[in-house]
Amino acid sequence: QVQLVESGGGLVQPGGSLRLSCVASGNIYNAYFMGWYRQALGKQVELVATITRNGRTNYGDSGKGRFTISMDNSKNTVFLQMNSLKPEDTAVYYCNSGRHTIPGDYWGQGTQVTVSS
């Protein structure tokens, strides 16, 4: 089992920035990749970005251009730097991790990001 704990969500004005963090614990062997998905109210879950432990990244349409994913392997932590935020970025952001399937088997509890003036 892998436990994922997110932090860093909150309320931000349009054009602002936020940095999300997610720490993995437990059977880290199964946390080969880590990433972020999001779900806006009334919409499906969508990929934001993923990163593997050797640094390979993959961005969904929602994460391209303004978001940057990174990982600190020594701390089993993944970050999502979000810049130039827009109201349409408002969603619950979930940390995800796994080894064999995408999305992975493990999910965090989610952190709310609200972009509003």
N, C-alpha and C. Protein backbone atom coordinates (compact mmCIF):
# COMPACT_ATOMS: atom_id res chain seq x y z
N GLN A 1 0.83 -1.19 0.00
CA GLN A 1 0.00 0.00 0.00
C GLN A 1 0.87 1.25 0.00
N VAL A 2 0.36 2.27 -0.64
CA VAL A 2 1.01 3.58 -0.66
C VAL A 2 0.01 4.60 -0.13
N GLN A 3 0.45 5.40 0.79
CA GLN A 3 -0.38 6.48 1.30
C GLN A 3 0.11 7.80 0.70
N LEU A 4 -0.85 8.62 0.29
CA LEU A 4 -0.53 9.90 -0.34
C LEU A 4 -1.24 11.02 0.42
N VAL A 5 -0.49 12.03 0.76
CA VAL A 5 -1.06 13.16 1.49
C VAL A 5 -0.73 14.45 0.73
N GLU A 6 -1.79 15.15 0.31
CA GLU A 6 -1.62 16.38 -0.45
C GLU A 6 -1.67 17.59 0.46
N SER A 7 -1.08 18.66 0.00
CA SER A 7 -1.19 19.94 0.68
C SER A 7 -0.96 21.05 -0.34
N GLY A 8 -1.35 22.27 0.05
CA GLY A 8 -1.05 23.42 -0.78
C GLY A 8 -2.22 24.03 -1.53
N GLY A 9 -3.39 23.42 -1.45
CA GLY A 9 -4.53 23.99 -2.13
C GLY A 9 -5.03 25.23 -1.40
N GLY A 10 -6.01 25.90 -2.01
CA GLY A 10 -6.57 27.08 -1.38
C GLY A 10 -7.25 27.98 -2.37
N LEU A 11 -7.50 29.20 -1.93
CA LEU A 11 -8.15 30.21 -2.76
C LEU A 11 -7.10 31.17 -3.30
N VAL A 12 -7.16 31.41 -4.59
CA VAL A 12 -6.20 32.31 -5.23
C VAL A 12 -6.94 33.14 -6.28
N GLN A 13 -6.47 34.33 -6.50
CA GLN A 13 -7.07 35.19 -7.50
C GLN A 13 -6.61 34.79 -8.91
N PRO A 14 -7.41 35.09 -9.91
CA PRO A 14 -6.97 34.82 -11.28
C PRO A 14 -5.62 35.47 -11.57
N GLY A 15 -4.77 34.72 -12.24
CA GLY A 15 -3.42 35.18 -12.52
C GLY A 15 -2.41 34.81 -11.47
N GLY A 16 -2.89 34.32 -10.34
CA GLY A 16 -2.00 33.95 -9.25
C GLY A 16 -1.38 32.58 -9.42
N SER A 17 -0.62 32.18 -8.40
CA SER A 17 0.10 30.91 -8.43
C SER A 17 -0.17 30.11 -7.16
N LEU A 18 -0.07 28.82 -7.30
CA LEU A 18 -0.12 27.91 -6.16
C LEU A 18 0.85 26.77 -6.41
N ARG A 19 1.33 26.19 -5.32
CA ARG A 19 2.20 25.02 -5.41
C ARG A 19 1.61 23.91 -4.57
N LEU A 20 1.25 22.83 -5.23
CA LEU A 20 0.73 21.67 -4.52
C LEU A 20 1.87 20.70 -4.22
N SER A 21 1.74 20.01 -3.09
CA SER A 21 2.71 19.00 -2.71
C SER A 21 1.98 17.72 -2.36
N CYS A 22 2.65 16.61 -2.58
CA CYS A 22 2.09 15.31 -2.22
C CYS A 22 3.23 14.42 -1.75
N VAL A 23 3.09 13.91 -0.53
CA VAL A 23 4.10 13.04 0.04
C VAL A 23 3.61 11.61 0.04
N ALA A 24 4.44 10.72 -0.45
CA ALA A 24 4.11 9.29 -0.46
C ALA A 24 4.81 8.59 0.69
N SER A 25 4.11 7.62 1.26
CA SER A 25 4.69 6.79 2.31
C SER A 25 4.15 5.38 2.16
N GLY A 26 4.75 4.47 2.90
CA GLY A 26 4.33 3.08 2.80
C GLY A 26 5.26 2.31 1.88
N ASN A 27 4.69 1.50 1.00
CA ASN A 27 5.47 0.68 0.09
C ASN A 27 5.89 1.52 -1.13
N ILE A 28 6.97 2.25 -0.95
CA ILE A 28 7.41 3.21 -1.96
C ILE A 28 7.78 2.53 -3.27
N TYR A 29 8.11 1.27 -3.21
CA TYR A 29 8.43 0.54 -4.45
C TYR A 29 7.29 0.65 -5.45
N ASN A 30 6.06 0.68 -4.93
CA ASN A 30 4.89 0.76 -5.81
C ASN A 30 4.57 2.18 -6.27
N ALA A 31 5.35 3.14 -5.79
CA ALA A 31 5.14 4.54 -6.19
C ALA A 31 6.18 4.93 -7.22
N TYR A 32 6.25 4.17 -8.34
CA TYR A 32 7.24 4.46 -9.37
C TYR A 32 6.97 5.79 -10.04
N PHE A 33 5.71 6.08 -10.28
CA PHE A 33 5.38 7.39 -10.81
C PHE A 33 4.38 8.06 -9.88
N MET A 34 4.38 9.35 -9.92
CA MET A 34 3.43 10.15 -9.14
C MET A 34 2.88 11.23 -10.05
N GLY A 35 1.71 11.69 -9.71
CA GLY A 35 1.12 12.70 -10.58
C GLY A 35 -0.11 13.33 -9.99
N TRP A 36 -0.74 14.15 -10.82
CA TRP A 36 -1.91 14.91 -10.39
C TRP A 36 -3.04 14.76 -11.41
N TYR A 37 -4.21 14.58 -10.86
CA TYR A 37 -5.44 14.62 -11.63
C TYR A 37 -6.33 15.66 -10.97
N ARG A 38 -7.32 16.11 -11.70
CA ARG A 38 -8.25 17.05 -11.11
C ARG A 38 -9.67 16.76 -11.55
N GLN A 39 -10.61 17.19 -10.72
CA GLN A 39 -12.02 17.02 -11.05
C GLN A 39 -12.77 18.28 -10.68
N ALA A 40 -13.28 18.94 -11.67
CA ALA A 40 -14.13 20.11 -11.44
C ALA A 40 -15.56 19.64 -11.18
N LEU A 41 -16.32 20.50 -10.55
CA LEU A 41 -17.69 20.15 -10.19
C LEU A 41 -18.49 19.78 -11.43
N GLY A 42 -19.07 18.60 -11.43
CA GLY A 42 -19.90 18.16 -12.54
C GLY A 42 -19.14 17.64 -13.74
N LYS A 43 -17.82 17.53 -13.61
CA LYS A 43 -17.02 17.07 -14.74
C LYS A 43 -16.25 15.81 -14.38
N GLN A 44 -15.69 15.19 -15.40
CA GLN A 44 -14.92 13.98 -15.19
C GLN A 44 -13.52 14.30 -14.68
N VAL A 45 -12.92 13.30 -14.10
CA VAL A 45 -11.53 13.42 -13.68
C VAL A 45 -10.65 13.54 -14.92
N GLU A 46 -9.67 14.46 -14.85
CA GLU A 46 -8.77 14.61 -15.98
C GLU A 46 -7.32 14.67 -15.52
N LEU A 47 -6.46 14.20 -16.38
CA LEU A 47 -5.03 14.20 -16.09
C LEU A 47 -4.49 15.62 -16.13
N VAL A 48 -3.69 15.94 -15.12
CA VAL A 48 -2.94 17.20 -15.14
C VAL A 48 -1.51 16.90 -15.57
N ALA A 49 -0.82 16.06 -14.82
CA ALA A 49 0.56 15.72 -15.16
C ALA A 49 1.02 14.54 -14.32
N THR A 50 1.99 13.79 -14.87
CA THR A 50 2.63 12.72 -14.13
C THR A 50 4.14 12.82 -14.32
N ILE A 51 4.86 12.20 -13.39
CA ILE A 51 6.31 12.17 -13.49
C ILE A 51 6.80 10.84 -12.92
N THR A 52 7.80 10.26 -13.58
CA THR A 52 8.38 9.03 -13.07
C THR A 52 9.62 9.35 -12.22
N ARG A 53 10.09 8.34 -11.51
CA ARG A 53 11.25 8.58 -10.63
C ARG A 53 12.51 8.89 -11.41
N ASN A 54 12.53 8.57 -12.70
CA ASN A 54 13.71 8.96 -13.48
C ASN A 54 13.47 10.26 -14.24
N GLY A 55 12.39 10.96 -13.90
CA GLY A 55 12.18 12.31 -14.39
C GLY A 55 11.37 12.48 -15.65
N ARG A 56 10.83 11.41 -16.16
CA ARG A 56 10.04 11.53 -17.38
C ARG A 56 8.66 12.10 -17.04
N THR A 57 8.27 13.13 -17.75
CA THR A 57 7.01 13.81 -17.46
C THR A 57 5.99 13.61 -18.58
N ASN A 58 4.75 13.71 -18.20
CA ASN A 58 3.65 13.65 -19.17
C ASN A 58 2.59 14.63 -18.70
N TYR A 59 2.18 15.51 -19.59
CA TYR A 59 1.18 16.51 -19.25
C TYR A 59 -0.11 16.26 -20.02
N GLY A 60 -1.20 16.36 -19.30
CA GLY A 60 -2.49 16.37 -19.96
C GLY A 60 -2.75 17.77 -20.51
N ASP A 61 -3.81 17.88 -21.29
CA ASP A 61 -4.14 19.18 -21.87
C ASP A 61 -4.32 20.24 -20.79
N SER A 62 -4.84 19.83 -19.63
CA SER A 62 -5.10 20.80 -18.58
C SER A 62 -3.84 21.33 -17.93
N GLY A 63 -2.73 20.60 -18.08
CA GLY A 63 -1.50 20.99 -17.42
C GLY A 63 -0.45 21.61 -18.31
N LYS A 64 -0.67 21.59 -19.60
CA LYS A 64 0.35 22.07 -20.53
C LYS A 64 0.46 23.59 -20.49
N GLY A 65 1.69 24.07 -20.43
CA GLY A 65 1.94 25.49 -20.59
C GLY A 65 2.07 26.28 -19.31
N ARG A 66 1.18 26.08 -18.37
CA ARG A 66 1.17 26.91 -17.17
C ARG A 66 1.56 26.14 -15.91
N PHE A 67 1.54 24.82 -15.99
CA PHE A 67 1.83 23.99 -14.82
C PHE A 67 3.14 23.25 -15.03
N THR A 68 3.85 23.03 -13.91
CA THR A 68 5.10 22.28 -13.96
C THR A 68 5.11 21.25 -12.85
N ILE A 69 5.36 20.01 -13.22
CA ILE A 69 5.46 18.94 -12.23
C ILE A 69 6.91 18.63 -11.97
N SER A 70 7.23 18.32 -10.71
CA SER A 70 8.59 17.94 -10.35
C SER A 70 8.52 16.96 -9.18
N MET A 71 9.64 16.28 -8.95
CA MET A 71 9.67 15.29 -7.88
C MET A 71 10.98 15.37 -7.13
N ASP A 72 10.87 15.23 -5.82
CA ASP A 72 12.05 15.08 -4.97
C ASP A 72 12.07 13.62 -4.52
N ASN A 73 12.89 12.82 -5.19
CA ASN A 73 12.92 11.39 -4.89
C ASN A 73 13.34 11.11 -3.45
N SER A 74 14.25 11.90 -2.93
CA SER A 74 14.75 11.66 -1.58
C SER A 74 13.67 11.84 -0.53
N LYS A 75 12.64 12.64 -0.87
CA LYS A 75 11.56 12.90 0.09
C LYS A 75 10.25 12.27 -0.36
N ASN A 76 10.30 11.50 -1.46
CA ASN A 76 9.09 10.85 -1.98
C ASN A 76 7.95 11.86 -2.13
N THR A 77 8.29 12.99 -2.68
CA THR A 77 7.34 14.08 -2.78
C THR A 77 7.25 14.57 -4.22
N VAL A 78 6.04 14.80 -4.65
CA VAL A 78 5.81 15.39 -5.97
C VAL A 78 5.19 16.76 -5.79
N PHE A 79 5.56 17.67 -6.68
CA PHE A 79 5.07 19.04 -6.61
C PHE A 79 4.37 19.39 -7.92
N LEU A 80 3.42 20.28 -7.81
CA LEU A 80 2.78 20.84 -8.99
C LEU A 80 2.77 22.35 -8.84
N GLN A 81 3.60 23.00 -9.62
CA GLN A 81 3.63 24.46 -9.63
C GLN A 81 2.63 24.95 -10.66
N MET A 82 1.66 25.72 -10.21
CA MET A 82 0.60 26.21 -11.09
C MET A 82 0.69 27.72 -11.17
N ASN A 83 0.90 28.23 -12.35
CA ASN A 83 1.02 29.67 -12.58
C ASN A 83 -0.10 30.17 -13.48
N SER A 84 -0.30 31.47 -13.44
CA SER A 84 -1.32 32.11 -14.29
C SER A 84 -2.66 31.39 -14.18
N LEU A 85 -3.07 31.16 -12.97
CA LEU A 85 -4.28 30.38 -12.74
C LEU A 85 -5.51 31.09 -13.26
N LYS A 86 -6.45 30.29 -13.73
CA LYS A 86 -7.69 30.79 -14.31
C LYS A 86 -8.87 30.21 -13.52
N PRO A 87 -10.01 30.85 -13.57
CA PRO A 87 -11.18 30.29 -12.86
C PRO A 87 -11.50 28.85 -13.28
N GLU A 88 -11.23 28.53 -14.53
CA GLU A 88 -11.51 27.16 -15.00
C GLU A 88 -10.54 26.12 -14.42
N ASP A 89 -9.52 26.56 -13.71
CA ASP A 89 -8.64 25.63 -13.00
C ASP A 89 -9.22 25.21 -11.66
N THR A 90 -10.32 25.82 -11.29
CA THR A 90 -10.97 25.46 -10.03
C THR A 90 -11.41 24.00 -10.06
N ALA A 91 -10.94 23.23 -9.08
CA ALA A 91 -11.22 21.80 -9.05
C ALA A 91 -10.63 21.21 -7.77
N VAL A 92 -10.99 19.98 -7.51
CA VAL A 92 -10.28 19.20 -6.50
C VAL A 92 -9.12 18.51 -7.21
N TYR A 93 -7.94 18.70 -6.68
CA TYR A 93 -6.74 18.12 -7.26
C TYR A 93 -6.34 16.90 -6.44
N TYR A 94 -6.18 15.79 -7.14
CA TYR A 94 -5.85 14.54 -6.48
C TYR A 94 -4.44 14.09 -6.86
N CYS A 95 -3.71 13.69 -5.85
CA CYS A 95 -2.41 13.05 -6.08
C CYS A 95 -2.66 11.59 -6.42
N ASN A 96 -1.88 11.09 -7.35
CA ASN A 96 -2.03 9.70 -7.79
C ASN A 96 -0.65 9.07 -7.93
N SER A 97 -0.57 7.78 -7.65
CA SER A 97 0.71 7.10 -7.76
C SER A 97 0.50 5.64 -8.10
N GLY A 98 1.51 5.06 -8.71
CA GLY A 98 1.42 3.65 -9.03
C GLY A 98 2.68 3.16 -9.70
N ARG A 99 2.57 1.93 -10.20
CA ARG A 99 3.74 1.36 -10.85
C ARG A 99 3.41 0.75 -12.21
N HIS A 100 2.27 0.11 -12.30
CA HIS A 100 1.99 -0.68 -13.49
C HIS A 100 0.87 -0.14 -14.36
N THR A 101 -0.01 0.65 -13.80
CA THR A 101 -1.16 1.14 -14.57
C THR A 101 -1.25 2.65 -14.44
N ILE A 102 -1.87 3.26 -15.42
CA ILE A 102 -2.10 4.71 -15.40
C ILE A 102 -3.59 4.94 -15.61
N PRO A 103 -4.28 5.60 -14.71
CA PRO A 103 -3.73 6.10 -13.45
C PRO A 103 -3.31 4.98 -12.51
N GLY A 104 -2.52 5.34 -11.54
CA GLY A 104 -2.04 4.34 -10.60
C GLY A 104 -3.12 3.91 -9.62
N ASP A 105 -2.75 2.97 -8.80
CA ASP A 105 -3.71 2.36 -7.89
C ASP A 105 -4.00 3.22 -6.66
N TYR A 106 -3.16 4.19 -6.40
CA TYR A 106 -3.23 4.91 -5.14
C TYR A 106 -3.61 6.38 -5.35
N TRP A 107 -4.52 6.81 -4.50
CA TRP A 107 -5.03 8.18 -4.59
C TRP A 107 -4.93 8.88 -3.24
N GLY A 108 -4.68 10.16 -3.30
CA GLY A 108 -4.78 10.98 -2.11
C GLY A 108 -6.21 11.39 -1.86
N GLN A 109 -6.41 12.15 -0.80
CA GLN A 109 -7.76 12.54 -0.42
C GLN A 109 -8.26 13.74 -1.21
N GLY A 110 -7.36 14.42 -1.88
CA GLY A 110 -7.73 15.57 -2.70
C GLY A 110 -7.54 16.88 -1.96
N THR A 111 -7.20 17.90 -2.70
CA THR A 111 -7.08 19.25 -2.14
C THR A 111 -7.79 20.22 -3.07
N GLN A 112 -8.59 21.10 -2.47
CA GLN A 112 -9.40 22.02 -3.26
C GLN A 112 -8.56 23.21 -3.70
N VAL A 113 -8.66 23.51 -4.98
CA VAL A 113 -8.08 24.73 -5.54
C VAL A 113 -9.23 25.56 -6.11
N THR A 114 -9.34 26.78 -5.63
CA THR A 114 -10.38 27.68 -6.09
C THR A 114 -9.74 28.95 -6.63
N VAL A 115 -10.04 29.26 -7.86
CA VAL A 115 -9.49 30.46 -8.49
C VAL A 115 -10.65 31.43 -8.71
N SER A 116 -10.64 32.49 -7.93
CA SER A 116 -11.75 33.43 -7.96
C SER A 116 -11.31 34.78 -7.44
N SER A 117 -11.93 35.82 -7.98
CA SER A 117 -11.66 37.16 -7.48
C SER A 117 -12.68 37.55 -6.43
